[in-house]
């Protein structure tokens, strides 16, 4: 089931019928995903996102559903739509972070930043799959900044992102890198060639 977050709009302000619909669609989508029926899982997550949008729920919750859709579409090898929903997730999580009244505890702030990091990671990966290397590099740079803040400079995830940036920077013409702040070149650190994202669950569970 897509994580049911409380960050953002207060639950008492939501349309109760639409809120129940969103939760029900989300749960059905999860069951289809677990059964390996990704097409039906996708259909129900789309219904979830529609109900969440019409109910006026928080940007954070819509971001979670968009992120789940992006992960699901990556599993379905549909990188074109996967990056679209990854970008939607990025926008929703950024909206949540910009809503100062909702970020009233350090824990909430860190939680949203962690989800934003995941959205940037999958956006970078799917852009790379489409050979959109300049765009992928920009996504990795944003992910790296957040990882340093949330995970720490010496964290494995942060180091893996730095390695990916360095490898990808070799494929992007120098002129296109001038506006980007790249990590200082250094020897690659024991990189795991497998994708971190695809090892994770397609739909976050509570």
C-alpha atoms as a PDB file:
ATOM      1  CA  UNK A   1       0.000   0.000   0.000  1.00  0.00           C
ATOM      2  CA  UNK A   2       1.255   3.473  -0.783  1.00  0.00           C
ATOM      3  CA  UNK A   3       2.306   5.065   2.468  1.00  0.00           C
ATOM      4  CA  UNK A   4      -0.556   7.025   4.003  1.00  0.00           C
ATOM      5  CA  UNK A   5       1.238  10.166   5.146  1.00  0.00           C
ATOM      6  CA  UNK A   6      -0.147  12.902   7.359  1.00  0.00           C
ATOM      7  CA  UNK A   7       2.141  15.667   6.145  1.00  0.00           C
ATOM      8  CA  UNK A   8       0.110  18.422   4.503  1.00  0.00           C
ATOM      9  CA  UNK A   9      -3.614  19.070   4.464  1.00  0.00           C
ATOM     10  CA  UNK A  10      -5.485  18.065   7.593  1.00  0.00           C
ATOM     11  CA  UNK A  11      -7.504  14.890   7.140  1.00  0.00           C
ATOM     12  CA  UNK A  12     -10.664  16.534   8.524  1.00  0.00           C
ATOM     13  CA  UNK A  13     -10.668  18.965   5.596  1.00  0.00           C
ATOM     14  CA  UNK A  14     -10.784  16.205   2.991  1.00  0.00           C
ATOM     15  CA  UNK A  15     -13.884  14.960   1.220  1.00  0.00           C
ATOM     16  CA  UNK A  16     -14.549  11.755   3.231  1.00  0.00           C
ATOM     17  CA  UNK A  17     -15.980   9.833   0.257  1.00  0.00           C
ATOM     18  CA  UNK A  18     -13.050  10.662  -2.004  1.00  0.00           C
ATOM     19  CA  UNK A  19     -10.620   9.945   0.822  1.00  0.00           C
ATOM     20  CA  UNK A  20     -12.158   6.481   1.254  1.00  0.00           C
ATOM     21  CA  UNK A  21     -12.067   5.914  -2.498  1.00  0.00           C
ATOM     22  CA  UNK A  22      -8.384   6.851  -2.646  1.00  0.00           C
ATOM     23  CA  UNK A  23      -7.531   4.437   0.175  1.00  0.00           C
ATOM     24  CA  UNK A  24      -9.579   1.631  -1.393  1.00  0.00           C
ATOM     25  CA  UNK A  25      -8.083   2.114  -4.866  1.00  0.00           C
ATOM     26  CA  UNK A  26      -4.629   2.215  -3.350  1.00  0.00           C
ATOM     27  CA  UNK A  27      -5.153  -1.067  -1.495  1.00  0.00           C
ATOM     28  CA  UNK A  28      -6.539  -2.795  -4.599  1.00  0.00           C
ATOM     29  CA  UNK A  29      -3.575  -1.528  -6.617  1.00  0.00           C
ATOM     30  CA  UNK A  30      -1.223  -2.971  -4.032  1.00  0.00           C
ATOM     31  CA  UNK A  31      -2.906  -6.385  -4.224  1.00  0.00           C
ATOM     32  CA  UNK A  32      -2.640  -6.428  -8.012  1.00  0.00           C
ATOM     33  CA  UNK A  33       1.020  -5.438  -7.772  1.00  0.00           C
ATOM     34  CA  UNK A  34       1.726  -8.237  -5.303  1.00  0.00           C
ATOM     35  CA  UNK A  35       0.016 -10.681  -7.669  1.00  0.00           C
ATOM     36  CA  UNK A  36       2.217  -9.504 -10.546  1.00  0.00           C
ATOM     37  CA  UNK A  37      -0.655  -7.872 -12.450  1.00  0.00           C
ATOM     38  CA  UNK A  38       1.115  -4.589 -13.097  1.00  0.00           C
ATOM     39  CA  UNK A  39      -1.379  -3.255 -15.657  1.00  0.00           C
ATOM     40  CA  UNK A  40      -4.263  -3.421 -13.186  1.00  0.00           C
ATOM     41  CA  UNK A  41      -2.029  -2.102 -10.398  1.00  0.00           C
ATOM     42  CA  UNK A  42      -1.245   0.890 -12.609  1.00  0.00           C
ATOM     43  CA  UNK A  43      -4.940   1.467 -13.387  1.00  0.00           C
ATOM     44  CA  UNK A  44      -5.869   1.557  -9.706  1.00  0.00           C
ATOM     45  CA  UNK A  45      -2.987   3.825  -8.754  1.00  0.00           C
ATOM     46  CA  UNK A  46      -4.152   6.254 -11.429  1.00  0.00           C
ATOM     47  CA  UNK A  47      -7.598   6.156  -9.797  1.00  0.00           C
ATOM     48  CA  UNK A  48      -5.929   6.722  -6.426  1.00  0.00           C
ATOM     49  CA  UNK A  49      -4.121   9.821  -7.665  1.00  0.00           C
ATOM     50  CA  UNK A  50      -7.300  11.196  -9.239  1.00  0.00           C
ATOM     51  CA  UNK A  51      -9.280  10.726  -6.016  1.00  0.00           C
ATOM     52  CA  UNK A  52      -6.472  12.306  -3.971  1.00  0.00           C
ATOM     53  CA  UNK A  53      -6.346  15.294  -6.301  1.00  0.00           C
ATOM     54  CA  UNK A  54     -10.125  15.836  -6.231  1.00  0.00           C
ATOM     55  CA  UNK A  55     -10.287  15.411  -2.461  1.00  0.00           C
ATOM     56  CA  UNK A  56      -7.745  18.169  -1.884  1.00  0.00           C
ATOM     57  CA  UNK A  57      -5.285  15.953  -0.020  1.00  0.00           C
ATOM     58  CA  UNK A  58      -1.725  16.979   0.747  1.00  0.00           C
ATOM     59  CA  UNK A  59       1.041  17.407  -1.788  1.00  0.00           C
ATOM     60  CA  UNK A  60       3.002  14.832   0.188  1.00  0.00           C
ATOM     61  CA  UNK A  61       0.397  12.097  -0.330  1.00  0.00           C
ATOM     62  CA  UNK A  62       0.035  12.895  -4.035  1.00  0.00           C
ATOM     63  CA  UNK A  63       3.803  12.771  -4.256  1.00  0.00           C
ATOM     64  CA  UNK A  64       3.835   9.297  -2.717  1.00  0.00           C
ATOM     65  CA  UNK A  65       1.321   8.025  -5.259  1.00  0.00           C
ATOM     66  CA  UNK A  66       3.188   9.640  -8.162  1.00  0.00           C
ATOM     67  CA  UNK A  67       6.409   8.061  -6.914  1.00  0.00           C
ATOM     68  CA  UNK A  68       4.717   4.640  -6.680  1.00  0.00           C
ATOM     69  CA  UNK A  69       3.446   5.054 -10.245  1.00  0.00           C
ATOM     70  CA  UNK A  70       6.934   5.947 -11.427  1.00  0.00           C
ATOM     71  CA  UNK A  71       8.390   2.856  -9.753  1.00  0.00           C
ATOM     72  CA  UNK A  72       5.637   0.686 -11.218  1.00  0.00           C
ATOM     73  CA  UNK A  73       6.157   2.019 -14.746  1.00  0.00           C
ATOM     74  CA  UNK A  74       9.890   1.402 -14.403  1.00  0.00           C
ATOM     75  CA  UNK A  75       9.072  -2.216 -13.599  1.00  0.00           C
ATOM     76  CA  UNK A  76       6.868  -2.261 -16.719  1.00  0.00           C
ATOM     77  CA  UNK A  77       9.819  -0.868 -18.738  1.00  0.00           C
ATOM     78  CA  UNK A  78       7.863   2.257 -19.645  1.00  0.00           C
ATOM     79  CA  UNK A  79      10.550   4.839 -18.981  1.00  0.00           C
ATOM     80  CA  UNK A  80       8.734   7.613 -20.866  1.00  0.00           C
ATOM     81  CA  UNK A  81       5.776   7.662 -18.478  1.00  0.00           C
ATOM     82  CA  UNK A  82       7.944   6.717 -15.495  1.00  0.00           C
ATOM     83  CA  UNK A  83       9.920   9.943 -15.769  1.00  0.00           C
ATOM     84  CA  UNK A  84       6.685  11.919 -16.143  1.00  0.00           C
ATOM     85  CA  UNK A  85       5.397  10.657 -12.799  1.00  0.00           C
ATOM     86  CA  UNK A  86       8.845  11.024 -11.203  1.00  0.00           C
ATOM     87  CA  UNK A  87       8.758  14.696 -12.178  1.00  0.00           C
ATOM     88  CA  UNK A  88       5.252  14.984 -10.729  1.00  0.00           C
ATOM     89  CA  UNK A  89       6.486  13.443  -7.482  1.00  0.00           C
ATOM     90  CA  UNK A  90       9.395  15.895  -7.368  1.00  0.00           C
ATOM     91  CA  UNK A  91       7.011  18.824  -7.783  1.00  0.00           C
ATOM     92  CA  UNK A  92       4.616  17.571  -5.108  1.00  0.00           C
ATOM     93  CA  UNK A  93       7.390  16.938  -2.568  1.00  0.00           C
ATOM     94  CA  UNK A  94       8.860  20.367  -3.291  1.00  0.00           C
ATOM     95  CA  UNK A  95       5.418  21.894  -2.738  1.00  0.00           C
ATOM     96  CA  UNK A  96       5.230  20.070   0.591  1.00  0.00           C
ATOM     97  CA  UNK A  97       8.649  21.404   1.609  1.00  0.00           C
ATOM     98  CA  UNK A  98       7.642  24.947   0.632  1.00  0.00           C
ATOM     99  CA  UNK A  99       4.562  24.755   2.831  1.00  0.00           C
ATOM    100  CA  UNK A 100       6.229  26.006   6.010  1.00  0.00           C
ATOM    101  CA  UNK A 101       3.195  25.350   8.189  1.00  0.00           C
ATOM    102  CA  UNK A 102       3.318  21.633   7.390  1.00  0.00           C
ATOM    103  CA  UNK A 103       7.040  21.227   8.094  1.00  0.00           C
ATOM    104  CA  UNK A 104       6.630  21.798  11.812  1.00  0.00           C
ATOM    105  CA  UNK A 105       9.053  19.122  12.993  1.00  0.00           C
ATOM    106  CA  UNK A 106      12.552  18.079  11.875  1.00  0.00           C
ATOM    107  CA  UNK A 107      11.240  14.532  11.461  1.00  0.00           C
ATOM    108  CA  UNK A 108       8.645  15.604   8.886  1.00  0.00           C
ATOM    109  CA  UNK A 109      11.214  17.659   7.022  1.00  0.00           C
ATOM    110  CA  UNK A 110      13.649  14.747   6.827  1.00  0.00           C
ATOM    111  CA  UNK A 111      10.893  12.355   5.768  1.00  0.00           C
ATOM    112  CA  UNK A 112       9.804  14.507   2.834  1.00  0.00           C
ATOM    113  CA  UNK A 113      13.391  15.144   1.764  1.00  0.00           C
ATOM    114  CA  UNK A 114      13.998  11.391   1.768  1.00  0.00           C
ATOM    115  CA  UNK A 115      11.060  10.868  -0.589  1.00  0.00           C
ATOM    116  CA  UNK A 116      12.254  13.745  -2.773  1.00  0.00           C
ATOM    117  CA  UNK A 117      15.636  12.038  -2.959  1.00  0.00           C
ATOM    118  CA  UNK A 118      13.978   8.822  -4.185  1.00  0.00           C
ATOM    119  CA  UNK A 119      12.032  10.762  -6.813  1.00  0.00           C
ATOM    120  CA  UNK A 120      15.211  12.394  -8.132  1.00  0.00           C
ATOM    121  CA  UNK A 121      16.941   9.003  -8.229  1.00  0.00           C
ATOM    122  CA  UNK A 122      14.258   7.361 -10.331  1.00  0.00           C
ATOM    123  CA  UNK A 123      14.014  10.426 -12.584  1.00  0.00           C
ATOM    124  CA  UNK A 124      17.759  10.221 -13.172  1.00  0.00           C
ATOM    125  CA  UNK A 125      17.630   6.506 -13.876  1.00  0.00           C
ATOM    126  CA  UNK A 126      14.731   6.749 -16.332  1.00  0.00           C
ATOM    127  CA  UNK A 127      16.273   9.745 -18.115  1.00  0.00           C
ATOM    128  CA  UNK A 128      19.452   7.717 -18.486  1.00  0.00           C
ATOM    129  CA  UNK A 129      17.479   4.820 -19.954  1.00  0.00           C
ATOM    130  CA  UNK A 130      16.275   7.215 -22.656  1.00  0.00           C
ATOM    131  CA  UNK A 131      19.837   8.434 -23.284  1.00  0.00           C
ATOM    132  CA  UNK A 132      18.871  11.881 -22.008  1.00  0.00           C
ATOM    133  CA  UNK A 133      22.255  12.155 -20.338  1.00  0.00           C
ATOM    134  CA  UNK A 134      22.296  15.887 -19.646  1.00  0.00           C
ATOM    135  CA  UNK A 135      18.913  15.680 -17.919  1.00  0.00           C
ATOM    136  CA  UNK A 136      19.927  12.537 -16.030  1.00  0.00           C
ATOM    137  CA  UNK A 137      23.068  14.283 -14.778  1.00  0.00           C
ATOM    138  CA  UNK A 138      21.024  17.205 -13.466  1.00  0.00           C
ATOM    139  CA  UNK A 139      18.710  14.831 -11.600  1.00  0.00           C
ATOM    140  CA  UNK A 140      21.686  13.000 -10.091  1.00  0.00           C
ATOM    141  CA  UNK A 141      23.187  16.301  -8.973  1.00  0.00           C
ATOM    142  CA  UNK A 142      19.976  17.234  -7.152  1.00  0.00           C
ATOM    143  CA  UNK A 143      19.766  13.766  -5.614  1.00  0.00           C
ATOM    144  CA  UNK A 144      23.381  14.010  -4.459  1.00  0.00           C
ATOM    145  CA  UNK A 145      22.779  17.345  -2.710  1.00  0.00           C
ATOM    146  CA  UNK A 146      19.854  15.887  -0.776  1.00  0.00           C
ATOM    147  CA  UNK A 147      21.702  12.657   0.008  1.00  0.00           C
ATOM    148  CA  UNK A 148      24.598  14.603   1.536  1.00  0.00           C
ATOM    149  CA  UNK A 149      22.150  16.444   3.764  1.00  0.00           C
ATOM    150  CA  UNK A 150      19.868  13.542   4.680  1.00  0.00           C
ATOM    151  CA  UNK A 151      22.201  10.530   4.567  1.00  0.00           C
ATOM    152  CA  UNK A 152      25.606  12.086   5.146  1.00  0.00           C
ATOM    153  CA  UNK A 153      28.739  12.461   3.037  1.00  0.00           C
ATOM    154  CA  UNK A 154      30.092   9.004   3.848  1.00  0.00           C
ATOM    155  CA  UNK A 155      26.826   7.108   3.400  1.00  0.00           C
ATOM    156  CA  UNK A 156      26.814   4.339   0.785  1.00  0.00           C
ATOM    157  CA  UNK A 157      23.863   5.867  -1.042  1.00  0.00           C
ATOM    158  CA  UNK A 158      25.605   9.237  -1.258  1.00  0.00           C
ATOM    159  CA  UNK A 159      28.793   7.645  -2.571  1.00  0.00           C
ATOM    160  CA  UNK A 160      26.890   5.662  -5.207  1.00  0.00           C
ATOM    161  CA  UNK A 161      25.225   8.848  -6.433  1.00  0.00           C
ATOM    162  CA  UNK A 162      28.595  10.581  -6.636  1.00  0.00           C
ATOM    163  CA  UNK A 163      29.979   7.707  -8.694  1.00  0.00           C
ATOM    164  CA  UNK A 164      27.017   7.852 -11.086  1.00  0.00           C
ATOM    165  CA  UNK A 165      27.514  11.611 -11.492  1.00  0.00           C
ATOM    166  CA  UNK A 166      31.180  11.164 -12.310  1.00  0.00           C
ATOM    167  CA  UNK A 167      30.488   8.423 -14.858  1.00  0.00           C
ATOM    168  CA  UNK A 168      27.686  10.353 -16.533  1.00  0.00           C
ATOM    169  CA  UNK A 169      29.681  13.584 -16.637  1.00  0.00           C
ATOM    170  CA  UNK A 170      32.061  11.846 -19.057  1.00  0.00           C
ATOM    171  CA  UNK A 171      29.178  11.475 -21.534  1.00  0.00           C
ATOM    172  CA  UNK A 172      27.916  15.060 -21.315  1.00  0.00           C
ATOM    173  CA  UNK A 173      29.809  17.768 -23.254  1.00  0.00           C
ATOM    174  CA  UNK A 174      31.682  20.156 -20.975  1.00  0.00           C
ATOM    175  CA  UNK A 175      29.707  23.164 -22.195  1.00  0.00           C
ATOM    176  CA  UNK A 176      26.514  21.596 -20.920  1.00  0.00           C
ATOM    177  CA  UNK A 177      28.055  21.072 -17.501  1.00  0.00           C
ATOM    178  CA  UNK A 178      29.037  24.699 -16.905  1.00  0.00           C
ATOM    179  CA  UNK A 179      25.777  25.506 -15.129  1.00  0.00           C
ATOM    180  CA  UNK A 180      26.053  22.463 -12.898  1.00  0.00           C
ATOM    181  CA  UNK A 181      28.061  22.058  -9.721  1.00  0.00           C
ATOM    182  CA  UNK A 182      29.657  18.646 -10.037  1.00  0.00           C
ATOM    183  CA  UNK A 183      31.391  16.737  -7.288  1.00  0.00           C
ATOM    184  CA  UNK A 184      35.178  16.909  -7.361  1.00  0.00           C
ATOM    185  CA  UNK A 185      36.574  13.990  -9.409  1.00  0.00           C
ATOM    186  CA  UNK A 186      37.930  11.140  -7.395  1.00  0.00           C
ATOM    187  CA  UNK A 187      38.434   7.431  -7.765  1.00  0.00           C
ATOM    188  CA  UNK A 188      35.185   5.495  -7.979  1.00  0.00           C
ATOM    189  CA  UNK A 189      34.239   3.814  -4.735  1.00  0.00           C
ATOM    190  CA  UNK A 190      33.276   0.137  -5.028  1.00  0.00           C
ATOM    191  CA  UNK A 191      30.234   0.766  -7.159  1.00  0.00           C
ATOM    192  CA  UNK A 192      27.380  -1.696  -7.165  1.00  0.00           C
ATOM    193  CA  UNK A 193      26.377  -1.982 -10.827  1.00  0.00           C
ATOM    194  CA  UNK A 194      22.814  -2.995 -10.024  1.00  0.00           C
ATOM    195  CA  UNK A 195      20.230  -0.250  -9.619  1.00  0.00           C
ATOM    196  CA  UNK A 196      19.333   0.628  -6.087  1.00  0.00           C
ATOM    197  CA  UNK A 197      15.855   1.682  -7.077  1.00  0.00           C
ATOM    198  CA  UNK A 198      14.815  -1.533  -8.781  1.00  0.00           C
ATOM    199  CA  UNK A 199      15.743  -3.501  -5.679  1.00  0.00           C
ATOM    200  CA  UNK A 200      13.203  -1.582  -3.630  1.00  0.00           C
ATOM    201  CA  UNK A 201       9.496  -2.398  -3.389  1.00  0.00           C
ATOM    202  CA  UNK A 202       7.444  -1.066  -6.273  1.00  0.00           C
ATOM    203  CA  UNK A 203       4.854   0.375  -3.919  1.00  0.00           C
ATOM    204  CA  UNK A 204       5.877   1.626  -0.478  1.00  0.00           C
ATOM    205  CA  UNK A 205       4.150  -0.215   2.324  1.00  0.00           C
ATOM    206  CA  UNK A 206       3.009   1.171   5.608  1.00  0.00           C
END
